Amino acid sequence: MPISEADITVIGASLAGIMAAISAAKAGVDTVLVERRPGKDRPANTVFLGMARGLEIDLAGFARHRLRGMRIISPAGHALEVLTEGYFLDRESLDRHLLDRALDLGAEVVEGEASAARSNDGWTVRAGGRNIESRIVIDAGGVDSAIAIREGLKTMLHPEDVAWAMDALVEHPGIGEEDLFEYWVGSLAPGWKATFSPGGGNLATLGVFVRGRGRDVRPYLDRFVEIFKRHKAFRYDRIRDLRILDIRSGGDPIAALPGQMVADGLMVTGGAAAQSGLAYSMRAGLICGNVAASAVRSGDTSKEALLPYPRLWHKELGMEYRLGRAALQTLSQMSDQEIDRMAMALGGKDLLAGGSLYGRTFRAGLSVALANPGAAARLIGNLLRD
């Protein structure tokens, strides 16, 4: 079998993996990106501007449909609107652009499944019909990636809290022209949410993200589709004839929280490290690739040399993930009736407009406290617990 060499091999062409390859190649180190053949997972496609800082790319250029915000819908149908610009992205175009960028910077892209094993000088990665000798491996293979786990890393603090997701690509006249993403909460999707993402024209996605109920969440998706049809019956003619074009599934570690991200010659990024969220995982990949390149240039690829990656990540994004988990834990502890009462009490309040993350979080927390002191106490307790 042919043998080649690379300073860094990134396994998994997730957005985090591609961004890691881009940043490493940009720093001038030999980089290989192993791209698995297309699988059954549907990539995330909706992003809001407040999440997209520090990416060195204008995501607006890849928008299939522009959104003016989101609508949060309680179990009884009470709605809160949050106005913040966002996009339904053309992921095929975005991913192709980023892969081309990696190639332009000198990275090599290899297609096929990959396996990795320790060698005397680092790693031997088998992919694309050859062995690649590499000093650092970056595991970017998603929530089911086994490389880091096999090496003994506990990459998630709460792996039991991975949300298992299923979404449907749907078609109906005009359904993609709505300009608010919808975020449904309560028992219809235990532990997190159901979503409606208008994608422009006649296309949209309907999804459920469920924690604590195992991987088979199809019953929750089927129920949500029927609820959605009833909810939209006033707006669309013959919505009962909504067509489901495709159904995909996968895992989202939104509440799992990142654990160990590095070992000697090994780094973990994206879903494999519980770094959920389209834009946030891209940012994590950039940080990861930069630190990997610095370690290669220094001649030291030990765990200690790679520790700046988790330190930088925690400094920039760690609190956002802790707040997110605390919020989801609090939501999962509330009954549908409690969620409805809080939604009614918060109606008309500007929860998330403008300012820094911490300013928005403070205002949102204050609003929750005024609306439901019990929920606020649970939110604080869950934040301190993790």
Protein backbone atom coordinates (compact mmCIF):
# COMPACT_ATOMS: atom_id res chain seq x y z
CA MET A 1 0.00 0.00 0.00
CA PRO A 2 1.44 3.44 -0.95
CA ILE A 3 2.75 5.56 1.91
CA SER A 4 2.66 9.35 2.16
CA GLU A 5 3.40 11.84 4.91
CA ALA A 6 1.57 14.80 6.42
CA ASP A 7 2.10 17.02 9.41
CA ILE A 8 -1.62 16.99 10.23
CA THR A 9 -4.39 14.65 9.11
CA VAL A 10 -7.96 15.78 9.74
CA ILE A 11 -10.42 12.89 9.75
CA GLY A 12 -13.91 14.05 8.88
CA ALA A 13 -14.99 16.81 6.50
CA SER A 14 -17.51 18.29 8.88
CA LEU A 15 -17.49 22.09 8.96
CA ALA A 16 -15.23 21.91 12.00
CA GLY A 17 -12.92 19.52 10.18
CA ILE A 18 -12.77 21.62 7.02
CA MET A 19 -12.05 24.78 9.02
CA ALA A 20 -9.30 22.97 10.95
CA ALA A 21 -7.73 21.93 7.64
CA ILE A 22 -8.02 25.48 6.27
CA SER A 23 -6.36 27.09 9.29
CA ALA A 24 -3.58 24.47 9.42
CA ALA A 25 -2.85 24.73 5.69
CA LYS A 26 -2.95 28.52 5.88
CA ALA A 27 -0.24 28.32 8.53
CA GLY A 28 1.98 26.47 6.06
CA VAL A 29 2.00 22.92 7.41
CA ASP A 30 1.35 19.82 5.30
CA THR A 31 -2.32 18.97 5.81
CA VAL A 32 -4.53 16.11 4.64
CA LEU A 33 -8.31 16.16 5.03
CA VAL A 34 -10.08 12.80 4.82
CA GLU A 35 -13.60 13.23 3.48
CA ARG A 36 -15.97 10.36 4.16
CA ARG A 37 -18.28 9.48 1.30
CA PRO A 38 -21.66 11.16 1.75
CA GLY A 39 -23.67 9.45 4.44
CA LYS A 40 -27.19 9.72 5.77
CA ASP A 41 -26.68 12.68 8.09
CA ARG A 42 -28.20 15.95 6.98
CA PRO A 43 -25.93 18.86 7.91
CA ALA A 44 -27.21 21.84 9.86
CA ASN A 45 -28.39 24.61 7.58
CA THR A 46 -29.65 27.54 9.68
CA VAL A 47 -27.47 30.16 11.33
CA PHE A 48 -28.02 33.53 13.01
CA LEU A 49 -25.56 36.40 12.78
CA GLY A 50 -24.82 36.64 16.50
CA MET A 51 -23.32 33.15 16.34
CA ALA A 52 -21.10 33.74 13.30
CA ARG A 53 -18.38 36.00 14.65
CA GLY A 54 -14.71 35.23 14.06
CA LEU A 55 -15.25 32.90 11.10
CA GLU A 56 -13.32 34.80 8.40
CA ILE A 57 -16.13 34.02 5.94
CA ASP A 58 -19.29 35.85 4.92
CA LEU A 59 -22.05 33.28 5.35
CA ALA A 60 -24.58 35.64 3.74
CA GLY A 61 -23.10 34.75 0.38
CA PHE A 62 -24.35 31.19 0.81
CA ALA A 63 -27.89 32.01 1.89
CA ARG A 64 -30.74 30.29 0.09
CA HIS A 65 -33.20 32.26 2.19
CA ARG A 66 -32.88 35.18 4.60
CA LEU A 67 -34.57 35.14 7.99
CA ARG A 68 -35.46 38.13 10.12
CA GLY A 69 -35.50 36.14 13.34
CA MET A 70 -37.12 33.28 15.17
CA ARG A 71 -40.44 32.46 16.76
CA ILE A 72 -40.43 30.40 19.97
CA ILE A 73 -43.69 28.48 20.34
CA SER A 74 -44.93 27.02 23.63
CA PRO A 75 -46.96 23.78 23.88
CA ALA A 76 -50.27 25.68 23.81
CA GLY A 77 -49.15 27.81 20.88
CA HIS A 78 -48.10 31.01 22.68
CA ALA A 79 -45.38 32.66 20.59
CA LEU A 80 -42.40 34.87 21.37
CA GLU A 81 -40.58 36.57 18.51
CA VAL A 82 -36.86 37.30 18.60
CA LEU A 83 -35.65 39.56 15.79
CA THR A 84 -32.10 38.68 14.75
CA GLU A 85 -30.92 38.27 11.17
CA GLY A 86 -30.23 34.75 10.01
CA TYR A 87 -29.91 32.54 6.95
CA PHE A 88 -31.01 29.18 5.63
CA LEU A 89 -27.76 28.13 3.97
CA ASP A 90 -27.02 26.25 0.80
CA ARG A 91 -24.79 23.74 2.54
CA GLU A 92 -23.62 22.02 -0.63
CA SER A 93 -22.34 25.35 -1.96
CA LEU A 94 -20.79 26.36 1.37
CA ASP A 95 -19.03 23.04 1.89
CA ARG A 96 -17.73 23.01 -1.69
CA HIS A 97 -16.40 26.55 -1.29
CA LEU A 98 -14.60 25.66 1.92
CA LEU A 99 -13.12 22.48 0.46
CA ASP A 100 -11.87 24.49 -2.52
CA ARG A 101 -10.37 27.00 -0.09
CA ALA A 102 -8.52 24.21 1.71
CA LEU A 103 -7.20 22.92 -1.62
CA ASP A 104 -6.11 26.40 -2.70
CA LEU A 105 -4.11 26.73 0.53
CA GLY A 106 -2.28 23.48 -0.20
CA ALA A 107 -4.27 20.90 1.75
CA GLU A 108 -4.88 17.53 0.14
CA VAL A 109 -8.40 16.07 0.24
CA VAL A 110 -8.69 12.28 0.30
CA GLU A 111 -12.06 10.55 -0.09
CA GLY A 112 -12.98 7.40 1.80
CA GLU A 113 -13.38 5.88 5.22
CA ALA A 114 -10.40 6.31 7.53
CA SER A 115 -8.80 4.33 10.32
CA ALA A 116 -6.00 5.57 12.54
CA ALA A 117 -3.43 3.78 14.69
CA ARG A 118 -0.50 4.98 16.76
CA SER A 119 2.96 4.63 15.22
CA ASN A 120 6.47 5.35 16.46
CA ASP A 121 6.48 8.93 15.21
CA GLY A 122 2.79 9.76 15.53
CA TRP A 123 0.00 8.12 13.56
CA THR A 124 -0.64 5.90 10.59
CA VAL A 125 -3.92 6.81 8.94
CA ARG A 126 -5.30 4.42 6.35
CA ALA A 127 -7.58 6.15 3.83
CA GLY A 128 -8.07 6.34 0.09
CA GLY A 129 -6.08 3.18 -0.55
CA ARG A 130 -2.89 4.34 1.14
CA ASN A 131 -1.21 4.88 4.49
CA ILE A 132 -0.61 8.45 5.65
CA GLU A 133 2.08 8.95 8.28
CA SER A 134 1.02 11.95 10.33
CA ARG A 135 2.33 13.79 13.38
CA ILE A 136 -1.09 14.98 14.53
CA VAL A 137 -4.54 13.54 13.94
CA ILE A 138 -7.59 15.78 14.33
CA ASP A 139 -10.76 13.78 14.95
CA ALA A 140 -13.66 15.68 13.35
CA GLY A 141 -15.88 12.73 12.60
CA GLY A 142 -19.01 13.70 14.54
CA VAL A 143 -20.75 12.34 17.62
CA ASP A 144 -20.20 8.69 16.68
CA SER A 145 -16.51 9.06 15.89
CA ALA A 146 -14.53 6.35 17.67
CA ILE A 147 -10.91 7.48 17.29
CA ALA A 148 -10.68 9.68 20.37
CA ILE A 149 -12.84 7.36 22.47
CA ARG A 150 -10.64 4.40 21.53
CA GLU A 151 -7.66 6.42 22.75
CA GLY A 152 -9.32 6.79 26.15
CA LEU A 153 -10.49 10.40 25.89
CA LYS A 154 -13.77 11.33 27.53
CA THR A 155 -14.68 13.86 24.87
CA MET A 156 -18.09 14.70 26.35
CA LEU A 157 -18.92 15.43 29.98
CA HIS A 158 -22.52 14.26 29.53
CA PRO A 159 -22.64 11.81 26.58
CA GLU A 160 -26.01 10.56 27.79
CA ASP A 161 -27.43 13.98 26.92
CA VAL A 162 -26.68 13.89 23.20
CA ALA A 163 -29.89 14.90 21.42
CA TRP A 164 -30.92 12.46 18.71
CA ALA A 165 -32.37 14.29 15.78
CA MET A 166 -34.46 13.52 12.74
CA ASP A 167 -35.59 15.97 10.14
CA ALA A 168 -37.70 15.95 7.03
CA LEU A 169 -37.15 17.95 3.88
CA VAL A 170 -40.68 19.02 2.96
CA GLU A 171 -42.33 20.69 -0.01
CA HIS A 172 -45.51 22.78 -0.24
CA PRO A 173 -46.36 25.88 -2.28
CA GLY A 174 -44.84 28.93 -0.61
CA ILE A 175 -43.86 27.23 2.64
CA GLY A 176 -40.23 28.27 2.30
CA GLU A 177 -41.04 31.97 2.00
CA GLU A 178 -41.75 32.55 5.69
CA ASP A 179 -39.11 34.72 7.33
CA LEU A 180 -39.08 33.37 10.90
CA PHE A 181 -37.40 30.17 12.03
CA GLU A 182 -39.72 28.35 14.45
CA TYR A 183 -38.50 26.76 17.65
CA TRP A 184 -41.17 24.61 19.35
CA VAL A 185 -40.60 23.55 22.96
CA GLY A 186 -42.26 21.19 25.41
CA SER A 187 -43.20 17.54 25.56
CA LEU A 188 -43.59 17.18 21.79
CA ALA A 189 -39.74 17.03 21.68
CA PRO A 190 -38.55 16.13 25.21
CA GLY A 191 -35.27 17.68 26.29
CA TRP A 192 -34.88 20.22 23.52
CA LYS A 193 -36.94 21.30 20.52
CA ALA A 194 -38.83 20.77 17.30
CA THR A 195 -38.02 23.13 14.43
CA PHE A 196 -39.39 24.63 11.25
CA SER A 197 -36.71 26.08 8.95
CA PRO A 198 -38.07 27.86 5.86
CA GLY A 199 -35.61 27.36 3.02
CA GLY A 200 -37.02 29.62 0.31
CA GLY A 201 -39.58 28.90 -2.39
CA ASN A 202 -41.51 25.70 -1.72
CA LEU A 203 -38.94 23.98 0.52
CA ALA A 204 -38.40 23.79 4.27
CA THR A 205 -37.20 21.36 6.90
CA LEU A 206 -39.13 20.05 9.91
CA GLY A 207 -37.08 18.48 12.66
CA VAL A 208 -37.11 17.10 16.18
CA PHE A 209 -34.19 17.04 18.62
CA VAL A 210 -34.90 14.75 21.56
CA ARG A 211 -32.86 13.88 24.65
CA GLY A 212 -33.23 10.88 26.90
CA ARG A 213 -35.45 8.78 24.62
CA GLY A 214 -32.89 6.82 22.61
CA ARG A 215 -31.90 7.16 18.97
CA ASP A 216 -35.21 6.27 17.36
CA VAL A 217 -37.08 9.57 17.42
CA ARG A 218 -39.28 8.93 14.36
CA PRO A 219 -42.50 8.86 16.46
CA TYR A 220 -41.72 12.40 17.66
CA LEU A 221 -41.12 13.58 14.09
CA ASP A 222 -44.37 12.02 12.85
CA ARG A 223 -46.32 13.67 15.67
CA PHE A 224 -44.68 17.05 15.06
CA VAL A 225 -45.47 16.94 11.34
CA GLU A 226 -49.16 16.46 12.14
CA ILE A 227 -49.13 19.24 14.77
CA PHE A 228 -47.37 21.52 12.31
CA LYS A 229 -49.97 20.87 9.61
CA ARG A 230 -52.79 21.77 11.98
CA HIS A 231 -50.94 24.87 13.15
CA LYS A 232 -50.41 26.10 9.58
CA ALA A 233 -53.84 25.15 8.20
CA PHE A 234 -55.03 28.77 8.37
CA ARG A 235 -52.07 29.94 6.26
CA TYR A 236 -51.71 27.36 3.51
CA ASP A 237 -54.29 25.72 1.28
CA ARG A 238 -54.24 21.94 1.40
CA ILE A 239 -51.38 21.83 3.90
CA ARG A 240 -52.48 18.27 4.66
CA ASP A 241 -50.90 17.42 1.28
CA LEU A 242 -47.46 18.57 2.47
CA ARG A 243 -44.91 16.31 0.76
CA ILE A 244 -42.00 14.74 2.63
CA LEU A 245 -39.13 14.46 0.16
CA ASP A 246 -36.47 12.98 2.40
CA ILE A 247 -35.78 12.08 6.03
CA ARG A 248 -32.34 12.10 7.66
CA SER A 249 -31.11 11.49 11.20
CA GLY A 250 -28.11 12.18 13.39
CA GLY A 251 -26.91 13.28 16.80
CA ASP A 252 -26.47 16.77 18.24
CA PRO A 253 -24.37 17.16 21.42
CA ILE A 254 -25.88 20.54 22.36
CA ALA A 255 -26.13 19.66 26.07
CA ALA A 256 -23.27 17.15 26.35
CA LEU A 257 -20.55 19.77 27.02
CA PRO A 258 -16.99 19.30 25.75
CA GLY A 259 -14.69 17.17 27.87
CA GLN A 260 -11.13 16.16 26.96
CA MET A 261 -10.10 17.69 23.63
CA VAL A 262 -6.42 16.71 23.36
CA ALA A 263 -3.93 13.93 24.00
CA ASP A 264 -0.42 13.37 22.66
CA GLY A 265 -0.67 14.00 18.92
CA LEU A 266 -4.47 13.93 19.00
CA MET A 267 -7.10 16.69 18.91
CA VAL A 268 -10.89 16.50 18.76
CA THR A 269 -13.18 19.13 17.25
CA GLY A 270 -16.79 19.65 16.21
CA GLY A 271 -19.50 17.17 17.11
CA ALA A 272 -16.91 14.63 18.26
CA ALA A 273 -16.01 17.11 21.03
CA ALA A 274 -19.61 18.17 21.82
CA GLN A 275 -19.00 21.48 20.03
CA SER A 276 -22.51 21.81 18.68
CA GLY A 277 -23.83 24.51 16.38
CA LEU A 278 -22.94 25.31 12.78
CA ALA A 279 -21.05 28.55 13.36
CA TYR A 280 -19.60 27.59 16.74
CA SER A 281 -18.19 24.33 15.40
CA MET A 282 -16.57 26.24 12.54
CA ARG A 283 -14.93 28.58 15.04
CA ALA A 284 -13.75 25.60 17.12
CA GLY A 285 -12.19 24.07 14.01
CA LEU A 286 -10.29 27.29 13.28
CA ILE A 287 -8.88 27.39 16.80
CA CYS A 288 -7.98 23.70 16.64
CA GLY A 289 -6.15 23.98 13.32
CA ASN A 290 -4.20 27.05 14.41
CA VAL A 291 -2.97 25.36 17.59
CA ALA A 292 -2.11 22.16 15.71
CA ALA A 293 -0.02 24.10 13.20
CA SER A 294 1.82 25.94 15.97
CA ALA A 295 2.64 22.63 17.66
CA VAL A 296 3.99 21.15 14.42
CA ARG A 297 6.18 24.19 13.79
CA SER A 298 7.53 24.01 17.34
CA GLY A 299 8.45 20.34 16.95
CA ASP A 300 6.39 19.40 20.02
CA THR A 301 3.06 17.62 19.47
CA SER A 302 2.61 16.40 23.03
CA LYS A 303 -0.60 16.90 24.98
CA GLU A 304 0.97 19.86 26.78
CA ALA A 305 1.77 21.56 23.48
CA LEU A 306 -1.84 21.12 22.33
CA LEU A 307 -3.47 22.41 25.53
CA PRO A 308 -3.78 26.00 24.21
CA TYR A 309 -6.65 24.68 22.08
CA PRO A 310 -9.03 23.81 24.94
CA ARG A 311 -7.89 26.88 26.87
CA LEU A 312 -8.69 29.21 23.99
CA TRP A 313 -11.95 27.43 23.30
CA HIS A 314 -13.12 27.66 26.91
CA LYS A 315 -12.15 31.32 27.11
CA GLU A 316 -14.11 32.23 23.99
CA LEU A 317 -17.05 29.82 23.97
CA GLY A 318 -17.14 27.78 27.16
CA MET A 319 -19.61 29.97 29.05
CA GLU A 320 -22.02 30.00 26.12
CA TYR A 321 -22.17 26.20 26.16
CA ARG A 322 -22.63 26.09 29.95
CA LEU A 323 -25.46 28.60 29.70
CA GLY A 324 -27.00 26.58 26.89
CA ARG A 325 -26.92 23.34 28.86
CA ALA A 326 -28.33 25.05 31.96
CA ALA A 327 -31.18 26.49 29.91
CA LEU A 328 -32.01 23.12 28.35
CA GLN A 329 -31.85 21.34 31.69
CA THR A 330 -34.20 23.94 33.15
CA LEU A 331 -36.59 23.62 30.23
CA SER A 332 -36.66 19.83 30.54
CA GLN A 333 -37.63 20.19 34.23
CA MET A 334 -40.66 22.33 33.39
CA SER A 335 -44.12 21.01 32.58
CA ASP A 336 -45.92 22.12 29.45
CA GLN A 337 -48.17 24.25 31.64
CA GLU A 338 -45.19 26.02 33.23
CA ILE A 339 -43.71 26.72 29.81
CA ASP A 340 -47.03 28.14 28.63
CA ARG A 341 -47.33 30.43 31.66
CA MET A 342 -43.80 31.71 31.20
CA ALA A 343 -44.35 32.30 27.48
CA MET A 344 -47.46 34.35 28.24
CA ALA A 345 -45.63 36.38 30.90
CA LEU A 346 -42.69 37.08 28.58
CA GLY A 347 -44.87 38.08 25.64
CA GLY A 348 -43.77 41.42 24.18
CA LYS A 349 -40.43 41.54 26.03
CA ASP A 350 -37.21 42.08 24.06
CA LEU A 351 -35.20 39.14 25.38
CA LEU A 352 -32.22 38.94 23.06
CA ALA A 353 -31.87 42.13 21.07
CA GLY A 354 -28.45 43.75 20.80
CA GLY A 355 -25.43 43.89 23.05
CA SER A 356 -22.91 41.31 24.19
CA LEU A 357 -23.70 37.70 24.99
CA TYR A 358 -23.48 38.34 28.71
CA GLY A 359 -25.66 41.42 28.49
CA ARG A 360 -28.30 39.51 26.55
CA THR A 361 -28.07 36.61 28.98
CA PHE A 362 -28.49 38.92 31.97
CA ARG A 363 -31.59 40.55 30.47
CA ALA A 364 -33.05 37.20 29.51
CA GLY A 365 -32.41 35.84 33.01
CA LEU A 366 -34.00 38.89 34.59
CA SER A 367 -37.07 38.45 32.40
CA VAL A 368 -37.31 34.77 33.34
CA ALA A 369 -37.01 35.66 37.04
CA LEU A 370 -39.84 38.17 36.78
CA ALA A 371 -42.01 35.73 34.85
CA ASN A 372 -41.28 32.57 36.82
CA PRO A 373 -39.03 32.79 39.92
CA GLY A 374 -39.01 29.00 40.25
CA ALA A 375 -37.63 28.56 36.74
CA ALA A 376 -34.97 31.20 37.40
CA ALA A 377 -33.84 29.35 40.53
CA ARG A 378 -33.59 26.11 38.56
CA LEU A 379 -31.62 27.88 35.82
CA ILE A 380 -29.07 29.16 38.35
CA GLY A 381 -28.83 25.74 40.00
CA ASN A 382 -28.26 23.98 36.69
CA LEU A 383 -25.61 26.51 35.69
CA LEU A 384 -23.71 26.00 38.95
CA ARG A 385 -24.05 22.22 38.72
CA ASP A 386 -22.18 21.99 35.40
